[in-house]
N, C-alpha and C. Protein backbone atom coordinates (compact mmCIF):
# COMPACT_ATOMS: atom_id res chain seq x y z
N MET A 1 52.70 52.67 -8.36
CA MET A 1 52.73 52.52 -6.97
C MET A 1 52.53 53.19 -6.39
N LYS A 2 51.58 53.42 -5.66
CA LYS A 2 50.85 54.73 -4.84
C LYS A 2 52.13 54.50 -3.55
N LEU A 3 52.49 56.47 -4.00
CA LEU A 3 53.55 56.89 -2.82
C LEU A 3 53.16 56.98 -1.17
N VAL A 4 53.14 56.96 -0.37
CA VAL A 4 53.09 57.20 0.95
C VAL A 4 53.66 58.55 1.07
N ARG A 5 52.54 59.06 1.53
CA ARG A 5 52.11 60.53 1.63
C ARG A 5 52.22 60.53 3.81
N VAL A 6 53.25 61.60 3.78
CA VAL A 6 53.84 61.36 5.16
C VAL A 6 54.38 63.15 6.06
N TYR A 7 53.22 63.25 6.69
CA TYR A 7 53.63 64.42 7.44
C TYR A 7 54.65 64.95 8.01
N ALA A 8 55.32 65.68 7.60
CA ALA A 8 56.63 66.03 9.20
C ALA A 8 56.13 67.59 9.20
N ASP A 9 56.10 67.41 11.34
CA ASP A 9 55.44 68.71 11.74
C ASP A 9 57.60 69.44 11.44
N THR A 10 57.58 70.10 12.49
CA THR A 10 58.77 71.41 12.26
C THR A 10 59.84 70.58 12.63
N SER A 11 59.60 69.59 14.08
CA SER A 11 60.99 69.00 14.61
C SER A 11 61.37 67.63 13.40
N VAL A 12 60.56 67.37 12.49
CA VAL A 12 61.91 66.88 12.12
C VAL A 12 62.60 67.50 11.24
N PHE A 13 62.49 68.74 10.13
CA PHE A 13 63.59 70.18 9.82
C PHE A 13 64.12 70.52 10.45
N GLY A 14 63.69 70.61 11.56
CA GLY A 14 64.71 70.80 13.07
C GLY A 14 65.78 69.53 13.47
N GLY A 15 65.03 68.54 13.85
CA GLY A 15 65.76 67.41 13.51
C GLY A 15 67.37 67.30 13.40
N CYS A 16 67.48 67.65 11.26
CA CYS A 16 68.39 67.89 10.62
C CYS A 16 70.01 67.99 11.49
N PHE A 17 69.49 69.68 12.19
CA PHE A 17 70.45 70.11 12.98
C PHE A 17 71.23 69.04 14.72
N ASP A 18 70.21 68.44 15.09
CA ASP A 18 70.90 67.92 16.49
C ASP A 18 71.35 66.23 16.71
N ASP A 19 71.66 66.85 17.34
CA ASP A 19 73.11 65.67 17.62
C ASP A 19 72.18 64.07 17.57
N GLU A 20 70.96 64.17 18.32
CA GLU A 20 70.50 63.40 18.54
C GLU A 20 69.61 62.12 17.31
N PHE A 21 69.41 63.89 16.21
CA PHE A 21 68.09 62.95 15.24
C PHE A 21 68.78 63.83 13.94
N SER A 22 69.59 63.97 13.57
CA SER A 22 70.33 64.46 12.65
C SER A 22 70.30 63.00 11.22
N GLU A 23 70.97 62.24 11.79
CA GLU A 23 71.45 61.15 10.90
C GLU A 23 69.81 60.55 10.02
N ASP A 24 68.58 60.15 11.39
CA ASP A 24 67.49 60.23 10.71
C ASP A 24 67.00 60.82 10.36
N SER A 25 67.03 62.58 10.77
CA SER A 25 65.84 63.59 9.62
C SER A 25 66.60 63.34 8.17
N LYS A 26 67.98 63.74 8.51
CA LYS A 26 68.51 63.21 7.37
C LYS A 26 68.33 62.66 6.14
N PHE A 27 68.43 61.35 6.42
CA PHE A 27 67.83 60.00 5.54
C PHE A 27 66.48 60.13 5.29
N PHE A 28 65.59 60.34 6.30
CA PHE A 28 63.79 60.28 5.41
C PHE A 28 63.96 61.94 4.64
N PHE A 29 64.97 63.05 5.04
CA PHE A 29 64.51 64.05 4.35
C PHE A 29 65.52 63.64 2.61
N GLY A 30 66.05 62.70 2.65
CA GLY A 30 67.21 62.18 0.75
C GLY A 30 66.45 61.69 0.45
N GLN A 31 65.00 60.21 1.51
CA GLN A 31 64.17 59.42 0.96
C GLN A 31 62.62 60.58 0.25
N VAL A 32 62.60 61.44 0.81
CA VAL A 32 61.79 62.16 0.16
C VAL A 32 62.13 63.15 -0.80
N LYS A 33 63.60 64.03 -1.33
CA LYS A 33 64.16 63.74 -3.33
C LYS A 33 64.93 62.64 -3.84
N LYS A 34 64.43 61.77 -3.10
CA LYS A 34 64.11 60.23 -4.19
C LYS A 34 63.05 60.60 -5.05
N GLY A 35 62.30 60.55 -4.09
CA GLY A 35 60.49 60.51 -4.65
C GLY A 35 60.36 59.41 -4.34
N GLU A 36 61.02 58.78 -2.77
CA GLU A 36 60.48 57.25 -2.08
C GLU A 36 58.77 57.88 -1.35
N PHE A 37 58.99 59.47 -0.78
CA PHE A 37 57.98 59.45 0.10
C PHE A 37 57.14 60.81 -0.85
N ILE A 38 56.03 60.86 -0.42
CA ILE A 38 55.15 62.80 -0.73
C ILE A 38 55.44 63.60 0.63
N LEU A 39 56.22 64.50 0.74
CA LEU A 39 56.18 64.87 2.10
C LEU A 39 55.12 66.35 2.22
N VAL A 40 54.74 66.18 2.97
CA VAL A 40 52.61 66.64 2.53
C VAL A 40 53.34 67.52 4.96
N ILE A 41 52.89 69.58 4.08
CA ILE A 41 53.13 69.60 4.89
C ILE A 41 51.83 70.95 5.29
N SER A 42 51.68 71.46 6.28
CA SER A 42 50.72 72.63 6.45
C SER A 42 51.19 73.74 6.75
N GLN A 43 50.19 74.19 6.75
CA GLN A 43 50.69 76.23 6.68
C GLN A 43 50.68 76.35 8.81
N THR A 44 50.57 75.46 9.30
CA THR A 44 51.07 75.79 10.46
C THR A 44 53.19 74.82 10.03
N THR A 45 53.41 74.55 10.25
CA THR A 45 54.62 73.67 9.32
C THR A 45 55.47 75.46 8.60
N LEU A 46 54.66 75.54 7.81
CA LEU A 46 54.57 76.66 7.38
C LEU A 46 55.32 78.10 8.17
N ARG A 47 54.45 78.75 8.93
CA ARG A 47 54.69 79.28 9.99
C ARG A 47 55.40 79.37 10.74
N GLU A 48 55.56 78.21 11.13
CA GLU A 48 56.81 77.93 12.58
C GLU A 48 58.02 77.83 12.02
N LEU A 49 57.99 77.58 10.19
CA LEU A 49 58.90 77.58 10.31
C LEU A 49 59.78 79.11 9.61
N LYS A 50 59.30 79.38 9.23
CA LYS A 50 59.17 81.54 8.81
C LYS A 50 59.78 81.97 10.23
N LYS A 51 59.62 81.52 11.62
CA LYS A 51 60.21 81.30 12.35
C LYS A 51 61.05 81.13 12.71
N ALA A 52 61.84 80.03 11.73
CA ALA A 52 62.35 78.61 12.17
C ALA A 52 64.51 79.58 11.61
N PRO A 53 65.81 78.95 11.71
CA PRO A 53 66.88 79.71 11.36
C PRO A 53 67.16 79.58 9.88
N GLU A 54 68.13 80.70 9.07
CA GLU A 54 67.90 79.71 7.45
C GLU A 54 68.00 78.04 7.02
N ASN A 55 69.14 77.94 8.41
CA ASN A 55 69.75 76.47 8.07
C ASN A 55 68.18 75.13 7.57
N ILE A 56 67.42 75.40 8.54
CA ILE A 56 66.17 75.25 8.80
C ILE A 56 65.27 75.23 7.96
N ARG A 57 65.18 76.08 6.92
CA ARG A 57 64.39 76.86 5.86
C ARG A 57 64.39 76.19 5.38
N ARG A 58 65.73 76.11 5.48
CA ARG A 58 67.33 75.50 3.68
C ARG A 58 65.90 74.00 3.81
N VAL A 59 66.06 73.26 4.57
CA VAL A 59 65.75 72.58 4.50
C VAL A 59 64.08 71.52 3.59
N LEU A 60 63.79 72.43 3.69
CA LEU A 60 62.02 72.53 2.59
C LEU A 60 62.61 72.98 1.74
N ALA A 61 63.46 73.75 1.57
CA ALA A 61 63.41 74.53 -0.23
C ALA A 61 64.50 73.66 -0.72
N ASP A 62 65.01 72.24 -0.14
CA ASP A 62 66.03 71.32 -0.49
C ASP A 62 64.66 70.61 -0.74
N VAL A 63 63.42 70.39 -0.98
CA VAL A 63 62.45 69.40 -0.93
C VAL A 63 62.16 69.27 -2.90
N PRO A 64 61.99 68.27 -3.57
CA PRO A 64 61.26 68.57 -4.80
C PRO A 64 60.20 68.73 -4.79
N PRO A 65 59.49 70.29 -5.85
CA PRO A 65 58.07 70.51 -5.86
C PRO A 65 57.49 69.65 -5.55
N GLN A 66 57.62 68.31 -6.94
CA GLN A 66 56.99 67.44 -7.20
C GLN A 66 56.67 66.28 -6.30
N HIS A 67 57.91 66.76 -4.85
CA HIS A 67 58.18 65.32 -4.28
C HIS A 67 56.81 65.90 -2.54
N LEU A 68 56.30 67.53 -2.93
CA LEU A 68 55.53 67.69 -1.45
C LEU A 68 54.28 68.73 -1.74
N GLU A 69 53.75 68.45 -0.85
CA GLU A 69 51.99 68.57 -1.03
C GLU A 69 52.22 69.47 0.54
N VAL A 70 51.38 70.63 -0.16
CA VAL A 70 50.90 71.45 1.20
C VAL A 70 49.55 71.65 1.43
N ILE A 71 49.12 71.53 2.52
CA ILE A 71 47.94 71.85 2.74
C ILE A 71 47.07 73.02 3.33
N GLU A 72 46.56 73.25 2.63
CA GLU A 72 45.90 75.01 2.64
C GLU A 72 45.21 74.68 4.17
N ASP A 73 45.15 76.19 4.83
CA ASP A 73 44.66 76.61 6.70
C ASP A 73 43.35 76.01 6.23
N ASP A 74 42.23 75.80 6.39
CA ASP A 74 40.55 75.45 6.47
C ASP A 74 39.84 75.04 7.91
N PRO A 75 38.95 75.92 8.18
CA PRO A 75 38.12 75.85 9.02
C PRO A 75 37.98 74.46 9.58
N GLU A 76 37.64 73.29 8.74
CA GLU A 76 37.77 71.80 9.33
C GLU A 76 39.12 71.41 10.47
N ILE A 77 40.28 72.50 10.41
CA ILE A 77 41.22 71.55 10.11
C ILE A 77 41.82 71.93 12.05
N ASN A 78 40.94 73.87 11.80
CA ASN A 78 40.78 74.06 13.37
C ASN A 78 39.73 73.44 14.62
N THR A 79 38.57 72.78 13.94
CA THR A 79 37.65 72.29 14.41
C THR A 79 38.14 71.17 15.17
N LEU A 80 39.10 70.60 14.17
CA LEU A 80 39.36 69.28 14.80
C LEU A 80 40.29 69.52 16.05
N ARG A 81 41.21 70.61 15.45
CA ARG A 81 41.72 70.86 16.58
C ARG A 81 41.36 71.28 17.82
N ASP A 82 41.16 72.34 18.12
CA ASP A 82 39.54 72.07 19.12
C ASP A 82 39.01 71.26 19.41
N ALA A 83 38.88 70.04 18.49
CA ALA A 83 38.29 69.07 19.68
C ALA A 83 39.14 68.12 20.18
N TYR A 84 40.65 68.22 20.24
CA TYR A 84 41.65 67.54 20.52
C TYR A 84 41.91 68.90 22.17
N LEU A 85 41.96 70.06 22.39
CA LEU A 85 42.56 70.78 23.22
C LEU A 85 41.18 70.24 24.01
N LYS A 86 39.46 70.30 23.48
CA LYS A 86 38.90 70.26 24.43
C LYS A 86 38.32 69.01 24.86
N ALA A 87 38.74 67.46 24.34
CA ALA A 87 39.02 66.07 24.79
C ALA A 87 40.58 66.14 25.76
N GLY A 88 41.52 66.97 25.76
CA GLY A 88 42.20 67.37 26.78
C GLY A 88 43.28 66.78 26.32
N VAL A 89 43.16 66.38 25.03
CA VAL A 89 44.72 64.80 23.97
C VAL A 89 45.56 66.28 24.60
N VAL A 90 45.95 67.60 24.10
CA VAL A 90 47.25 67.87 24.65
C VAL A 90 46.50 69.64 25.40
N GLY A 91 47.41 70.85 26.62
CA GLY A 91 46.94 71.72 26.63
C GLY A 91 46.16 72.82 25.82
N SER A 92 46.45 73.39 26.08
CA SER A 92 46.44 74.79 24.69
C SER A 92 47.76 75.35 24.10
N ALA A 93 48.37 75.30 25.48
CA ALA A 93 49.89 75.79 25.57
C ALA A 93 50.47 74.98 23.82
N SER A 94 49.46 73.64 23.48
CA SER A 94 50.34 73.23 22.36
C SER A 94 49.61 72.86 21.57
N GLN A 95 48.51 74.07 21.32
CA GLN A 95 47.63 74.49 20.08
C GLN A 95 48.63 74.00 18.72
N GLU A 96 50.13 74.29 18.35
CA GLU A 96 50.13 74.20 17.55
C GLU A 96 50.08 72.35 16.89
N ASP A 97 51.18 71.74 18.07
CA ASP A 97 50.86 70.20 17.85
C ASP A 97 49.75 70.18 17.95
N ALA A 98 48.48 70.07 18.24
CA ALA A 98 47.27 69.77 18.05
C ALA A 98 46.64 70.00 16.70
N GLU A 99 47.00 70.79 16.48
CA GLU A 99 47.24 71.42 14.61
C GLU A 99 47.66 70.50 13.36
N HIS A 100 48.74 70.30 13.54
CA HIS A 100 49.54 69.84 12.89
C HIS A 100 48.92 68.81 12.91
N ILE A 101 48.20 67.42 13.85
CA ILE A 101 47.55 66.38 13.90
C ILE A 101 46.43 66.47 13.10
N ALA A 102 45.82 67.99 13.40
CA ALA A 102 44.53 68.17 12.65
C ALA A 102 45.00 67.81 11.11
N ALA A 103 46.09 69.05 11.25
CA ALA A 103 45.86 68.91 9.73
C ALA A 103 46.08 67.71 8.54
N ALA A 104 46.72 66.50 9.07
CA ALA A 104 47.17 65.81 8.63
C ALA A 104 46.23 64.96 9.07
N SER A 105 45.42 65.36 10.05
CA SER A 105 44.03 63.54 9.79
C SER A 105 43.09 63.99 8.73
N VAL A 106 42.73 65.65 8.40
CA VAL A 106 41.70 66.31 7.92
C VAL A 106 42.17 65.91 6.92
N ALA A 107 43.69 66.01 6.23
CA ALA A 107 44.42 65.79 5.07
C ALA A 107 44.20 63.89 4.61
N GLU A 108 44.34 63.51 5.15
CA GLU A 108 44.44 61.93 5.24
C GLU A 108 45.15 61.17 5.22
N VAL A 109 46.28 61.75 5.26
CA VAL A 109 48.27 61.57 5.32
C VAL A 109 47.82 59.98 5.34
N ASP A 110 48.99 59.40 4.99
CA ASP A 110 48.77 58.01 5.35
C ASP A 110 50.10 57.47 6.89
N MET A 111 50.24 58.64 7.54
CA MET A 111 51.21 58.92 9.00
C MET A 111 51.43 60.24 8.76
N VAL A 112 52.30 60.32 10.52
CA VAL A 112 52.53 61.86 10.78
C VAL A 112 54.06 61.48 10.68
N ILE A 113 54.84 62.17 10.86
CA ILE A 113 56.20 61.73 11.70
C ILE A 113 56.52 63.29 12.42
N SER A 114 56.86 62.86 14.18
CA SER A 114 57.72 63.90 15.02
C SER A 114 58.71 63.67 15.59
N TRP A 115 59.15 64.44 15.82
CA TRP A 115 60.58 63.94 17.48
C TRP A 115 59.60 64.58 18.65
N ASN A 116 58.56 64.79 18.48
CA ASN A 116 57.83 65.99 19.66
C ASN A 116 56.96 64.29 20.21
N PHE A 117 58.40 64.09 21.02
CA PHE A 117 57.43 62.72 22.75
C PHE A 117 57.36 63.21 23.29
N LYS A 118 56.58 64.32 23.71
CA LYS A 118 55.72 64.80 24.98
C LYS A 118 54.78 64.92 24.27
N HIS A 119 54.19 65.95 22.99
CA HIS A 119 52.67 65.90 23.00
C HIS A 119 52.33 65.44 21.21
N ILE A 120 53.36 64.77 20.62
CA ILE A 120 52.91 63.41 19.34
C ILE A 120 53.14 62.85 19.82
N VAL A 121 54.52 61.90 19.74
CA VAL A 121 54.54 60.86 19.32
C VAL A 121 55.11 60.07 21.25
N HIS A 122 53.74 60.04 21.86
CA HIS A 122 53.79 58.93 22.65
C HIS A 122 52.47 58.15 22.79
N PHE A 123 52.12 57.62 23.43
CA PHE A 123 51.14 56.13 23.38
C PHE A 123 50.11 57.08 23.83
N GLU A 124 49.90 58.01 24.77
CA GLU A 124 48.46 58.58 25.73
C GLU A 124 48.29 59.87 24.50
N LYS A 125 49.30 59.86 24.26
CA LYS A 125 48.38 61.14 22.64
C LYS A 125 47.89 60.53 22.17
N ILE A 126 48.85 59.37 21.30
CA ILE A 126 48.26 58.96 20.21
C ILE A 126 47.10 58.72 20.28
N SER A 127 46.72 57.27 21.32
CA SER A 127 45.76 56.55 21.92
C SER A 127 43.92 58.55 21.69
N GLY A 128 45.09 59.25 22.02
CA GLY A 128 43.39 60.34 22.68
C GLY A 128 43.72 61.42 20.95
N TYR A 129 44.73 61.25 20.38
CA TYR A 129 44.02 61.65 19.04
C TYR A 129 43.36 60.55 18.09
N GLN A 130 43.85 59.28 18.07
CA GLN A 130 42.72 58.63 17.42
C GLN A 130 41.85 58.30 18.06
N ALA A 131 40.99 58.58 19.15
CA ALA A 131 39.85 58.53 20.12
C ALA A 131 38.94 60.06 19.29
N VAL A 132 39.43 60.47 19.49
CA VAL A 132 38.88 62.25 19.19
C VAL A 132 38.62 62.17 17.14
N ASN A 133 39.48 61.56 16.39
CA ASN A 133 39.26 61.02 15.27
C ASN A 133 38.22 60.39 14.85
N ILE A 134 38.02 58.88 16.14
CA ILE A 134 37.11 58.58 15.30
C ILE A 134 35.36 59.07 16.51
N LEU A 135 35.64 59.96 16.99
CA LEU A 135 34.41 60.23 17.73
C LEU A 135 34.24 61.44 16.53
N ASN A 136 35.28 61.72 15.82
CA ASN A 136 34.68 63.05 14.78
C ASN A 136 34.33 62.47 13.43
N GLY A 137 34.35 61.15 13.21
CA GLY A 137 34.41 60.59 11.83
C GLY A 137 35.58 60.87 10.43
N TYR A 138 36.90 61.28 11.82
CA TYR A 138 38.08 60.96 10.30
C TYR A 138 38.34 59.58 11.39
N ARG A 139 39.09 58.80 10.18
CA ARG A 139 40.24 57.69 10.49
C ARG A 139 41.36 58.03 11.35
N SER A 140 41.42 56.24 11.94
CA SER A 140 42.34 57.30 13.08
C SER A 140 43.73 57.11 12.53
N ILE A 141 44.27 58.05 13.08
CA ILE A 141 46.07 59.17 12.83
C ILE A 141 47.30 57.60 12.69
N ARG A 142 48.00 57.62 11.83
CA ARG A 142 48.63 56.56 12.44
C ARG A 142 50.09 57.69 12.58
N ILE A 143 51.19 57.43 13.80
CA ILE A 143 52.38 58.38 14.56
C ILE A 143 53.06 57.64 14.91
N PHE A 144 54.20 58.02 13.87
CA PHE A 144 55.81 57.40 14.59
C PHE A 144 57.07 58.21 14.45
N SER A 145 57.93 58.30 14.99
CA SER A 145 59.13 58.49 15.00
C SER A 145 59.85 58.47 13.31
N PRO A 146 60.70 59.34 13.13
CA PRO A 146 60.84 60.07 11.80
C PRO A 146 61.70 58.54 11.49
N LYS A 147 62.49 57.56 12.64
CA LYS A 147 63.28 56.33 12.95
C LYS A 147 62.14 54.88 12.04
N GLU A 148 60.95 55.75 12.34
CA GLU A 148 60.32 53.97 12.76
C GLU A 148 59.75 53.87 10.89
N VAL A 149 59.79 54.66 10.15
CA VAL A 149 59.81 55.04 8.85
C VAL A 149 60.40 55.11 7.49
N ILE A 150 61.94 55.12 8.24
CA ILE A 150 62.78 55.58 6.95
C ILE A 150 62.85 54.11 6.42
N LYS A 151 63.44 53.75 4.94
CA LYS A 151 63.47 52.46 4.36
C LYS A 151 64.52 52.16 4.41
N TYR A 152 65.42 51.27 5.33
CA TYR A 152 66.58 50.39 5.54
C TYR A 152 66.69 50.55 4.15
N GLU A 153 68.54 50.33 3.54
CA GLU A 153 68.58 49.15 2.66
C GLU A 153 68.81 47.84 2.70
N THR A 154 68.53 47.27 2.22
CA THR A 154 68.60 45.48 3.14
C THR A 154 70.10 44.94 2.28
């Protein structure tokens, strides 16, 4: 069975220590550790995590390497990021948010998860990212909050 490749932006890591998002973020990372998902991150994520407190960085350190995929920097990611900015999907102040979506799109992940409801998990932003992807020859990107993708026991 092919595992679902899920790109998590930095907000999901920080969510482990946020009262509102902690339960779902920890549950997601628990499922990654059990091998129910492949966690995909980018160099953008790694750069942001370097600036984060130790407890947030430790979340990544606890992910087994066999359940982790790291996307390397690539000019194709920058080109797609710039296309999002040029199209006005997000403004220049949200360049890193656009870079997360570009990395995930170029890597053809199955979905992106984020707690960023302003610049990523928002119906207008998702539509914008999808339109730019299609216009540039990429597949439509699926974007959710972690709450929407964790697998609940039945």
